[in-house]
C-alpha atoms as a PDB file:
ATOM      1  CA  MET A   1      86.833 151.709  75.718  1.00  0.00           C
ATOM      2  CA  PRO A   2      86.706 149.149  78.663  1.00  0.00           C
ATOM      3  CA  ALA A   3      88.296 151.406  81.403  1.00  0.00           C
ATOM      4  CA  ASP A   4      86.387 149.599  84.249  1.00  0.00           C
ATOM      5  CA  ILE A   5      87.793 146.221  83.795  1.00  0.00           C
ATOM      6  CA  LEU A   6      89.781 145.364  86.864  1.00  0.00           C
ATOM      7  CA  THR A   7      93.305 144.183  86.478  1.00  0.00           C
ATOM      8  CA  THR A   8      95.598 142.789  88.580  1.00  0.00           C
ATOM      9  CA  THR A   9      98.861 140.869  88.308  1.00  0.00           C
ATOM     10  CA  ALA A  10      98.145 138.831  91.131  1.00  0.00           C
ATOM     11  CA  ASN A  11      96.154 135.474  91.191  1.00  0.00           C
ATOM     12  CA  SER A  12      93.369 137.088  92.952  1.00  0.00           C
ATOM     13  CA  LEU A  13      91.380 140.677  93.771  1.00  0.00           C
ATOM     14  CA  THR A  14      91.200 141.642  97.390  1.00  0.00           C
ATOM     15  CA  GLY A  15      87.566 142.320  98.390  1.00  0.00           C
ATOM     16  CA  PHE A  16      86.283 140.385  95.021  1.00  0.00           C
ATOM     17  CA  HIS A  17      84.717 136.754  94.558  1.00  0.00           C
ATOM     18  CA  VAL A  18      85.544 135.161  91.347  1.00  0.00           C
ATOM     19  CA  ASN A  19      82.251 133.467  90.082  1.00  0.00           C
ATOM     20  CA  GLN A  20      83.938 132.942  86.831  1.00  0.00           C
ATOM     21  CA  GLU A  21      86.937 131.912  85.068  1.00  0.00           C
ATOM     22  CA  LEU A  22      86.500 132.782  81.378  1.00  0.00           C
ATOM     23  CA  GLY A  23      90.124 132.103  79.924  1.00  0.00           C
ATOM     24  CA  VAL A  24      93.012 133.746  78.600  1.00  0.00           C
ATOM     25  CA  VAL A  25      92.713 137.218  76.925  1.00  0.00           C
ATOM     26  CA  ARG A  26      95.672 138.959  75.289  1.00  0.00           C
ATOM     27  CA  GLY A  27      96.493 142.081  73.462  1.00  0.00           C
ATOM     28  CA  ILE A  28      99.247 142.036  70.819  1.00  0.00           C
ATOM     29  CA  ILE A  29     100.980 144.971  69.481  1.00  0.00           C
ATOM     30  CA  VAL A  30     103.991 144.573  66.694  1.00  0.00           C
ATOM     31  CA  ARG A  31     106.186 147.856  66.696  1.00  0.00           C
ATOM     32  CA  SER A  32     109.109 148.969  64.502  1.00  0.00           C
ATOM     33  CA  ARG A  33     111.452 151.246  65.190  1.00  0.00           C
ATOM     34  CA  SER A  34     111.715 154.316  62.652  1.00  0.00           C
ATOM     35  CA  ILE A  35     114.654 155.507  61.078  1.00  0.00           C
ATOM     36  CA  VAL A  36     114.486 158.765  63.068  1.00  0.00           C
ATOM     37  CA  GLY A  37     113.867 157.473  66.306  1.00  0.00           C
ATOM     38  CA  SER A  38     117.009 155.064  65.819  1.00  0.00           C
ATOM     39  CA  ILE A  39     119.054 157.974  64.616  1.00  0.00           C
ATOM     40  CA  GLY A  40     117.726 159.852  67.635  1.00  0.00           C
ATOM     41  CA  ALA A  41     118.286 156.802  70.028  1.00  0.00           C
ATOM     42  CA  GLY A  42     121.729 156.374  68.719  1.00  0.00           C
ATOM     43  CA  ILE A  43     122.774 159.715  69.565  1.00  0.00           C
ATOM     44  CA  GLN A  44     121.125 159.459  73.085  1.00  0.00           C
ATOM     45  CA  THR A  45     123.408 156.118  73.411  1.00  0.00           C
ATOM     46  CA  LEU A  46     126.470 158.284  73.174  1.00  0.00           C
ATOM     47  CA  PHE A  47     125.686 160.095  76.472  1.00  0.00           C
ATOM     48  CA  GLY A  48     124.635 157.230  78.376  1.00  0.00           C
ATOM     49  CA  GLY A  49     121.751 156.930  80.789  1.00  0.00           C
ATOM     50  CA  ASN A  50     117.973 156.801  79.968  1.00  0.00           C
ATOM     51  CA  ILE A  51     117.080 156.351  76.237  1.00  0.00           C
ATOM     52  CA  SER A  52     114.129 158.173  76.251  1.00  0.00           C
ATOM     53  CA  ILE A  53     113.140 157.695  72.549  1.00  0.00           C
ATOM     54  CA  TYR A  54     113.080 153.768  73.260  1.00  0.00           C
ATOM     55  CA  THR A  55     111.464 154.142  76.561  1.00  0.00           C
ATOM     56  CA  LYS A  56     108.518 156.412  75.050  1.00  0.00           C
ATOM     57  CA  LEU A  57     108.010 153.608  72.149  1.00  0.00           C
ATOM     58  CA  CYS A  58     108.131 150.569  74.758  1.00  0.00           C
ATOM     59  CA  GLU A  59     105.435 152.459  77.177  1.00  0.00           C
ATOM     60  CA  GLN A  60     103.292 153.288  73.775  1.00  0.00           C
ATOM     61  CA  ALA A  61     103.506 149.457  72.681  1.00  0.00           C
ATOM     62  CA  ARG A  62     102.652 148.216  76.263  1.00  0.00           C
ATOM     63  CA  ALA A  63     100.098 150.892  76.817  1.00  0.00           C
ATOM     64  CA  GLU A  64      98.141 149.801  73.658  1.00  0.00           C
ATOM     65  CA  ALA A  65      98.534 146.005  74.185  1.00  0.00           C
ATOM     66  CA  PHE A  66      97.184 146.523  77.641  1.00  0.00           C
ATOM     67  CA  GLU A  67      94.035 148.012  76.032  1.00  0.00           C
ATOM     68  CA  LEU A  68      93.488 145.737  73.382  1.00  0.00           C
ATOM     69  CA  MET A  69      93.849 142.941  76.027  1.00  0.00           C
ATOM     70  CA  LYS A  70      91.017 144.520  78.275  1.00  0.00           C
ATOM     71  CA  GLN A  71      89.083 145.201  74.994  1.00  0.00           C
ATOM     72  CA  HIS A  72      89.326 141.039  74.651  1.00  0.00           C
ATOM     73  CA  ALA A  73      87.932 140.776  78.357  1.00  0.00           C
ATOM     74  CA  GLU A  74      85.341 142.640  77.609  1.00  0.00           C
ATOM     75  CA  ALA A  75      84.157 140.833  74.412  1.00  0.00           C
ATOM     76  CA  VAL A  76      84.137 137.397  76.248  1.00  0.00           C
ATOM     77  CA  GLY A  77      81.964 139.131  78.954  1.00  0.00           C
ATOM     78  CA  ALA A  78      84.726 139.621  81.732  1.00  0.00           C
ATOM     79  CA  ASN A  79      84.655 142.549  84.228  1.00  0.00           C
ATOM     80  CA  ALA A  80      88.369 141.517  85.503  1.00  0.00           C
ATOM     81  CA  ILE A  81      91.813 140.014  84.432  1.00  0.00           C
ATOM     82  CA  ILE A  82      93.548 138.628  87.139  1.00  0.00           C
ATOM     83  CA  ALA A  83      97.481 137.173  86.937  1.00  0.00           C
ATOM     84  CA  MET A  84      97.974 139.867  84.127  1.00  0.00           C
ATOM     85  CA  ARG A  85     101.614 139.583  82.334  1.00  0.00           C
ATOM     86  CA  TYR A  86     103.683 141.131  79.763  1.00  0.00           C
ATOM     87  CA  ASP A  87     105.965 139.828  77.246  1.00  0.00           C
ATOM     88  CA  ALA A  88     107.947 141.058  74.392  1.00  0.00           C
ATOM     89  CA  THR A  89     109.787 139.358  71.639  1.00  0.00           C
ATOM     90  CA  GLU A  90     111.955 140.367  68.638  1.00  0.00           C
ATOM     91  CA  ILE A  91     110.568 138.894  65.889  1.00  0.00           C
ATOM     92  CA  ALA A  92     112.723 140.360  63.215  1.00  0.00           C
ATOM     93  CA  PRO A  93     115.829 143.050  63.376  1.00  0.00           C
ATOM     94  CA  GLY A  94     114.102 146.141  65.326  1.00  0.00           C
ATOM     95  CA  VAL A  95     110.440 144.676  64.933  1.00  0.00           C
ATOM     96  CA  THR A  96     109.061 143.636  68.586  1.00  0.00           C
ATOM     97  CA  GLU A  97     105.897 141.845  69.833  1.00  0.00           C
ATOM     98  CA  VAL A  98     104.375 142.971  72.953  1.00  0.00           C
ATOM     99  CA  LEU A  99     102.020 140.756  74.326  1.00  0.00           C
ATOM    100  CA  CYS A 100     100.014 141.504  77.573  1.00  0.00           C
ATOM    101  CA  TYR A 101      97.819 138.619  78.941  1.00  0.00           C
ATOM    102  CA  GLY A 102      95.614 137.363  81.631  1.00  0.00           C
ATOM    103  CA  THR A 103      92.921 135.623  83.161  1.00  0.00           C
ATOM    104  CA  ALA A 104      89.590 136.671  82.252  1.00  0.00           C
ATOM    105  CA  VAL A 105      86.865 136.276  85.061  1.00  0.00           C
ATOM    106  CA  VAL A 106      83.479 137.461  86.664  1.00  0.00           C
ATOM    107  CA  VAL A 107      84.040 138.828  89.823  1.00  0.00           C
ATOM    108  CA  GLN A 108      81.965 140.320  92.597  1.00  0.00           C
ATOM    109  CA  ARG A 109      82.194 142.053  95.410  1.00  0.00           C
ATOM    110  CA  ALA A 110      83.076 139.563  98.539  1.00  0.00           C
END
């Protein structure tokens, strides 16, 4: 698990100097809703407010995509990722792609 990969949504890391840019890295997860989850979420929508079943599904998908991105960065020799972003696209009814991407870099303390 690449826990020591630094990540930021900024274009730089305060206190670090970028020695090398290694290119774009990404993590992609494709998720579908289960029948049980869809029924539970449907019931929650009747009462309004946060639909916790979908919130949990989204959080899990983003966390998995984030970890895959960090693994990709580690595989190319990076120790940090800058300009990290998320994107999501519905590729079929009930099927969503979650993409986490950024620029893999090698940094050292300034």
